[in-house]
Amino acid sequence: MIPSDTYYADVFRQTVLGGPSAGKALADFAVNCYINGATYSPTPVVTEVGATADGLATKYTLAIALSSTAGINRFRIAAASGTDLIWPDVHTVDTETNDLDTIAGFLQTSQGIPGVQSAADGTLGDVVMGDAWQSGTLTVPLGKISPFGYSDLTGMTITAAFKNAPADTAVTCSASILDASARTVKAYFDTFPVGLNLTSTEYSKPFFLDLQIKHTASGKIITPLRYQLNVAWQRDVTA
């Protein structure tokens, strides 16, 4: 995890008589928070999940904002008063400057120092001429947008178009951002574009797809995803 992330501490609360302790709020928990041995004071959010399957305890989840400083976060969670038992009562979370998602994003584009932004095409396989088509979920690598100060696709729009050769007229298709935070997008067409049609003598033909994003506020345009889609001839006789 990275600094300032939210850590979700699952704990179980039981009365001294061995039964569930339900209906507790934040004031009923004593939460001590430490970063690298020094105290800090976030305000956890307590959610009562419900009784355990054996009916002997109540499960709660405490959402705790981690310190903005990287290092070792430790939490001790106890009953604020009374004799209730809480376990696990100690939680440890290590935070680093980069988490796995961030590192993966850089690895997807880094080819040395400094990282080279590759423009090589991926492949999206084949589509039969006349068919509808969906790319499936595509992920914009973090390393493609982070040099511009962006960490996700919030405030961006997306467009997509095909060409076979540079002099061709672009053949547009639909494109959408599926999840701005996860940087997932897709391209698709429900009606086969006329511009992708093969001639009567062509068995197949490659078309090259660019997905372009634009940051509305700044006007910056980035092409983070490039693919090849092969159009194959239609061998059946259905319309």
Protein backbone atom coordinates (compact mmCIF):
# COMPACT_ATOMS: atom_id res chain seq x y z
CA MET A 1 0.00 0.00 0.00
CA ILE A 2 1.04 3.63 -0.38
CA PRO A 3 0.80 6.53 2.10
CA SER A 4 -2.69 7.95 2.64
CA ASP A 5 -4.38 4.79 1.33
CA THR A 6 -7.27 3.43 3.39
CA TYR A 7 -6.61 0.27 5.37
CA TYR A 8 -9.59 -1.90 6.27
CA ALA A 9 -9.06 -3.63 9.61
CA ASP A 10 -11.43 -6.55 10.16
CA VAL A 11 -11.94 -7.30 13.86
CA PHE A 12 -14.22 -9.48 15.94
CA ARG A 13 -15.85 -8.28 19.15
CA GLN A 14 -17.14 -10.58 21.87
CA THR A 15 -18.62 -10.08 25.31
CA VAL A 16 -16.84 -11.49 28.34
CA LEU A 17 -19.61 -14.11 28.50
CA GLY A 18 -18.68 -15.40 25.03
CA GLY A 19 -21.47 -13.83 22.95
CA PRO A 20 -21.62 -11.30 20.10
CA SER A 21 -21.19 -7.63 21.00
CA ALA A 22 -23.39 -5.81 18.50
CA GLY A 23 -24.43 -2.19 17.97
CA LYS A 24 -21.05 -0.61 18.67
CA ALA A 25 -19.92 2.70 17.16
CA LEU A 26 -16.56 4.45 16.83
CA ALA A 27 -16.81 5.77 20.40
CA ASP A 28 -16.84 2.18 21.61
CA PHE A 29 -13.40 1.46 20.12
CA ALA A 30 -10.01 2.71 21.30
CA VAL A 31 -7.74 2.91 18.25
CA ASN A 32 -4.05 3.74 18.75
CA CYS A 33 -2.19 4.55 15.51
CA TYR A 34 1.57 4.70 14.99
CA ILE A 35 3.80 5.47 11.99
CA ASN A 36 7.43 4.47 12.43
CA GLY A 37 6.85 4.50 16.19
CA ALA A 38 5.29 7.98 16.34
CA THR A 39 1.60 8.46 17.01
CA TYR A 40 -0.87 9.94 14.54
CA SER A 41 -4.61 10.42 14.80
CA PRO A 42 -6.85 9.50 11.87
CA THR A 43 -10.60 9.18 12.33
CA PRO A 44 -11.61 5.60 11.52
CA VAL A 45 -15.00 4.74 10.06
CA VAL A 46 -16.61 1.77 11.82
CA THR A 47 -18.98 -0.55 9.99
CA GLU A 48 -20.79 -3.39 11.74
CA VAL A 49 -20.72 -6.40 9.42
CA GLY A 50 -22.78 -8.77 11.56
CA ALA A 51 -22.59 -11.85 13.73
CA THR A 52 -20.15 -14.61 12.89
CA ALA A 53 -21.48 -17.92 11.60
CA ASP A 54 -21.08 -19.55 15.01
CA GLY A 55 -22.91 -16.68 16.71
CA LEU A 56 -20.10 -16.11 19.19
CA ALA A 57 -18.86 -12.69 18.04
CA THR A 58 -19.71 -9.65 15.96
CA LYS A 59 -17.52 -8.65 13.06
CA TYR A 60 -16.65 -4.97 12.49
CA THR A 61 -14.57 -3.29 9.80
CA LEU A 62 -12.58 -0.17 10.69
CA ALA A 63 -11.56 1.94 7.70
CA ILE A 64 -8.38 3.75 8.75
CA ALA A 65 -6.56 6.37 6.66
CA LEU A 66 -2.87 5.50 6.62
CA SER A 67 -0.29 8.11 7.46
CA SER A 68 0.91 10.36 4.65
CA THR A 69 4.44 9.28 5.60
CA ALA A 70 5.82 6.04 4.14
CA GLY A 71 6.87 3.39 6.65
CA ILE A 72 5.41 0.96 9.16
CA ASN A 73 1.86 1.70 10.32
CA ARG A 74 0.75 -0.13 13.45
CA PHE A 75 -2.71 -0.09 14.99
CA ARG A 76 -3.91 -1.36 18.36
CA ILE A 77 -7.67 -1.77 18.55
CA ALA A 78 -9.38 -2.36 21.89
CA ALA A 79 -12.69 -1.73 23.62
CA ALA A 80 -12.93 1.90 24.77
CA SER A 81 -14.43 0.70 28.03
CA GLY A 82 -15.94 -2.41 29.60
CA THR A 83 -14.83 -6.00 29.30
CA ASP A 84 -15.44 -6.81 25.62
CA LEU A 85 -12.72 -8.78 23.85
CA ILE A 86 -11.49 -7.67 20.40
CA TRP A 87 -9.26 -9.66 18.06
CA PRO A 88 -7.02 -9.37 16.18
CA ASP A 89 -6.14 -6.32 18.23
CA VAL A 90 -2.83 -5.43 16.55
CA HIS A 91 -2.51 -4.69 12.82
CA THR A 92 0.67 -3.81 10.90
CA VAL A 93 0.76 -2.22 7.43
CA ASP A 94 3.90 -1.35 5.46
CA THR A 95 3.54 1.59 3.07
CA GLU A 96 5.91 2.39 0.21
CA THR A 97 6.14 5.27 -2.25
CA ASN A 98 4.91 3.00 -5.07
CA ASP A 99 2.40 0.18 -4.81
CA LEU A 100 2.14 -2.83 -7.13
CA ASP A 101 -0.32 -1.11 -9.48
CA THR A 102 2.02 1.85 -9.88
CA ILE A 103 5.04 -0.37 -10.51
CA ALA A 104 3.10 -2.47 -13.04
CA GLY A 105 2.08 0.68 -14.88
CA PHE A 106 5.69 1.77 -15.25
CA LEU A 107 6.85 -1.70 -16.27
CA GLN A 108 4.32 -1.78 -19.09
CA THR A 109 6.11 1.09 -20.81
CA SER A 110 9.62 1.27 -19.38
CA GLN A 111 12.40 -0.09 -21.59
CA GLY A 112 15.45 1.28 -19.82
CA ILE A 113 16.47 4.50 -18.15
CA PRO A 114 14.84 6.78 -19.08
CA GLY A 115 11.75 4.76 -19.99
CA VAL A 116 10.92 4.68 -23.72
CA GLN A 117 7.27 5.12 -24.64
CA SER A 118 6.77 2.29 -27.12
CA ALA A 119 4.38 2.86 -30.02
CA ALA A 120 4.33 -0.79 -31.12
CA ASP A 121 0.95 -2.26 -31.95
CA GLY A 122 -0.77 -4.89 -29.88
CA THR A 123 -3.10 -7.35 -31.61
CA LEU A 124 -6.85 -7.63 -31.28
CA GLY A 125 -7.18 -10.73 -33.45
CA ASP A 126 -9.69 -11.07 -36.28
CA VAL A 127 -13.19 -9.87 -37.08
CA VAL A 128 -15.28 -11.28 -39.92
CA MET A 129 -16.41 -8.63 -42.40
CA GLY A 130 -19.96 -7.57 -41.59
CA ASP A 131 -19.87 -8.63 -37.95
CA ALA A 132 -20.26 -6.50 -34.83
CA TRP A 133 -17.07 -6.25 -32.76
CA GLN A 134 -15.88 -5.49 -29.22
CA SER A 135 -12.26 -5.08 -28.12
CA GLY A 136 -12.98 -6.25 -24.60
CA THR A 137 -11.57 -4.37 -21.62
CA LEU A 138 -8.29 -2.57 -22.36
CA THR A 139 -6.11 -0.89 -19.74
CA VAL A 140 -4.24 2.35 -20.33
CA PRO A 141 -0.76 1.85 -18.79
CA LEU A 142 -0.08 4.31 -15.99
CA GLY A 143 3.33 5.01 -17.50
CA LYS A 144 1.65 6.45 -20.61
CA ILE A 145 -0.10 9.24 -18.69
CA SER A 146 1.92 9.80 -15.50
CA PRO A 147 4.61 11.90 -17.27
CA PHE A 148 1.83 14.42 -17.93
CA GLY A 149 0.79 14.50 -14.27
CA TYR A 150 -2.23 12.22 -14.57
CA SER A 151 -2.86 9.15 -12.42
CA ASP A 152 -6.17 8.10 -13.99
CA LEU A 153 -8.59 9.05 -16.79
CA THR A 154 -10.72 11.49 -14.79
CA GLY A 155 -11.70 14.49 -16.89
CA MET A 156 -10.77 12.80 -20.15
CA THR A 157 -12.63 11.83 -23.31
CA ILE A 158 -11.71 9.03 -25.71
CA THR A 159 -11.93 8.50 -29.47
CA ALA A 160 -10.88 5.63 -31.72
CA ALA A 161 -10.26 5.21 -35.44
CA PHE A 162 -8.86 2.71 -37.96
CA LYS A 163 -6.57 3.11 -40.95
CA ASN A 164 -4.85 0.64 -43.24
CA ALA A 165 -2.31 3.14 -44.58
CA PRO A 166 -1.33 6.73 -43.67
CA ALA A 167 -3.08 8.25 -46.70
CA ASP A 168 -6.41 6.54 -45.90
CA THR A 169 -9.43 8.36 -44.53
CA ALA A 170 -9.81 7.41 -40.88
CA VAL A 171 -12.65 5.00 -40.11
CA THR A 172 -14.02 5.91 -36.69
CA CYS A 173 -15.58 3.49 -34.24
CA SER A 174 -17.17 3.84 -30.83
CA ALA A 175 -14.97 4.08 -27.74
CA SER A 176 -15.71 4.58 -24.06
CA ILE A 177 -13.97 4.88 -20.72
CA LEU A 178 -15.21 2.02 -18.54
CA ASP A 179 -13.58 3.03 -15.25
CA ALA A 180 -11.58 6.25 -15.00
CA SER A 181 -9.85 5.21 -11.76
CA ALA A 182 -8.84 1.79 -13.11
CA ARG A 183 -7.89 3.35 -16.50
CA THR A 184 -9.98 0.79 -18.39
CA VAL A 185 -11.46 1.51 -21.81
CA LYS A 186 -12.95 -0.30 -24.79
CA ALA A 187 -13.46 0.16 -28.52
CA TYR A 188 -16.34 -1.36 -30.46
CA PHE A 189 -18.77 -1.14 -33.36
CA ASP A 190 -22.26 -2.60 -33.50
CA THR A 191 -22.60 -1.99 -37.24
CA PHE A 192 -19.63 -2.98 -39.38
CA PRO A 193 -18.01 0.18 -40.79
CA VAL A 194 -18.14 0.51 -44.58
CA GLY A 195 -14.56 1.72 -44.57
CA LEU A 196 -13.35 -1.68 -43.31
CA ASN A 197 -14.95 -3.65 -46.13
CA LEU A 198 -12.74 -5.94 -48.20
CA THR A 199 -12.77 -5.97 -51.99
CA SER A 200 -14.10 -9.00 -53.86
CA THR A 201 -10.57 -10.35 -54.24
CA GLU A 202 -9.27 -9.80 -50.71
CA TYR A 203 -9.25 -12.64 -48.19
CA SER A 204 -8.04 -10.53 -45.27
CA LYS A 205 -6.61 -7.11 -44.52
CA PRO A 206 -4.97 -5.55 -41.45
CA PHE A 207 -6.33 -2.31 -40.03
CA PHE A 208 -4.55 -0.27 -37.40
CA LEU A 209 -6.48 1.16 -34.47
CA ASP A 210 -5.45 4.16 -32.38
CA LEU A 211 -7.24 4.97 -29.13
CA GLN A 212 -6.73 8.62 -28.27
CA ILE A 213 -7.55 10.36 -25.01
CA LYS A 214 -7.92 14.08 -24.46
CA HIS A 215 -7.78 15.89 -21.14
CA THR A 216 -10.66 18.33 -21.39
CA ALA A 217 -9.31 21.03 -19.09
CA SER A 218 -5.73 21.19 -20.45
CA GLY A 219 -6.45 20.16 -24.03
CA LYS A 220 -3.57 17.65 -23.95
CA ILE A 221 -3.98 14.73 -26.37
CA ILE A 222 -2.32 11.35 -25.76
CA THR A 223 -2.47 8.14 -27.83
CA PRO A 224 -1.77 5.48 -25.18
CA LEU A 225 -3.06 2.40 -27.00
CA ARG A 226 -2.37 1.16 -30.55
CA TYR A 227 -3.59 -2.14 -32.00
CA GLN A 228 -3.96 -4.15 -35.17
CA LEU A 229 -7.29 -5.74 -36.08
CA ASN A 230 -7.42 -8.15 -38.99
CA VAL A 231 -10.61 -8.14 -41.11
CA ALA A 232 -11.29 -11.59 -42.58
CA TRP A 233 -13.57 -12.31 -45.52
CA GLN A 234 -17.06 -13.61 -44.94
CA ARG A 235 -17.41 -17.16 -46.19
CA ASP A 236 -21.05 -17.82 -45.34
CA VAL A 237 -24.08 -16.42 -47.14
CA THR A 238 -26.02 -14.81 -44.31
CA ALA A 239 -26.68 -11.07 -44.44
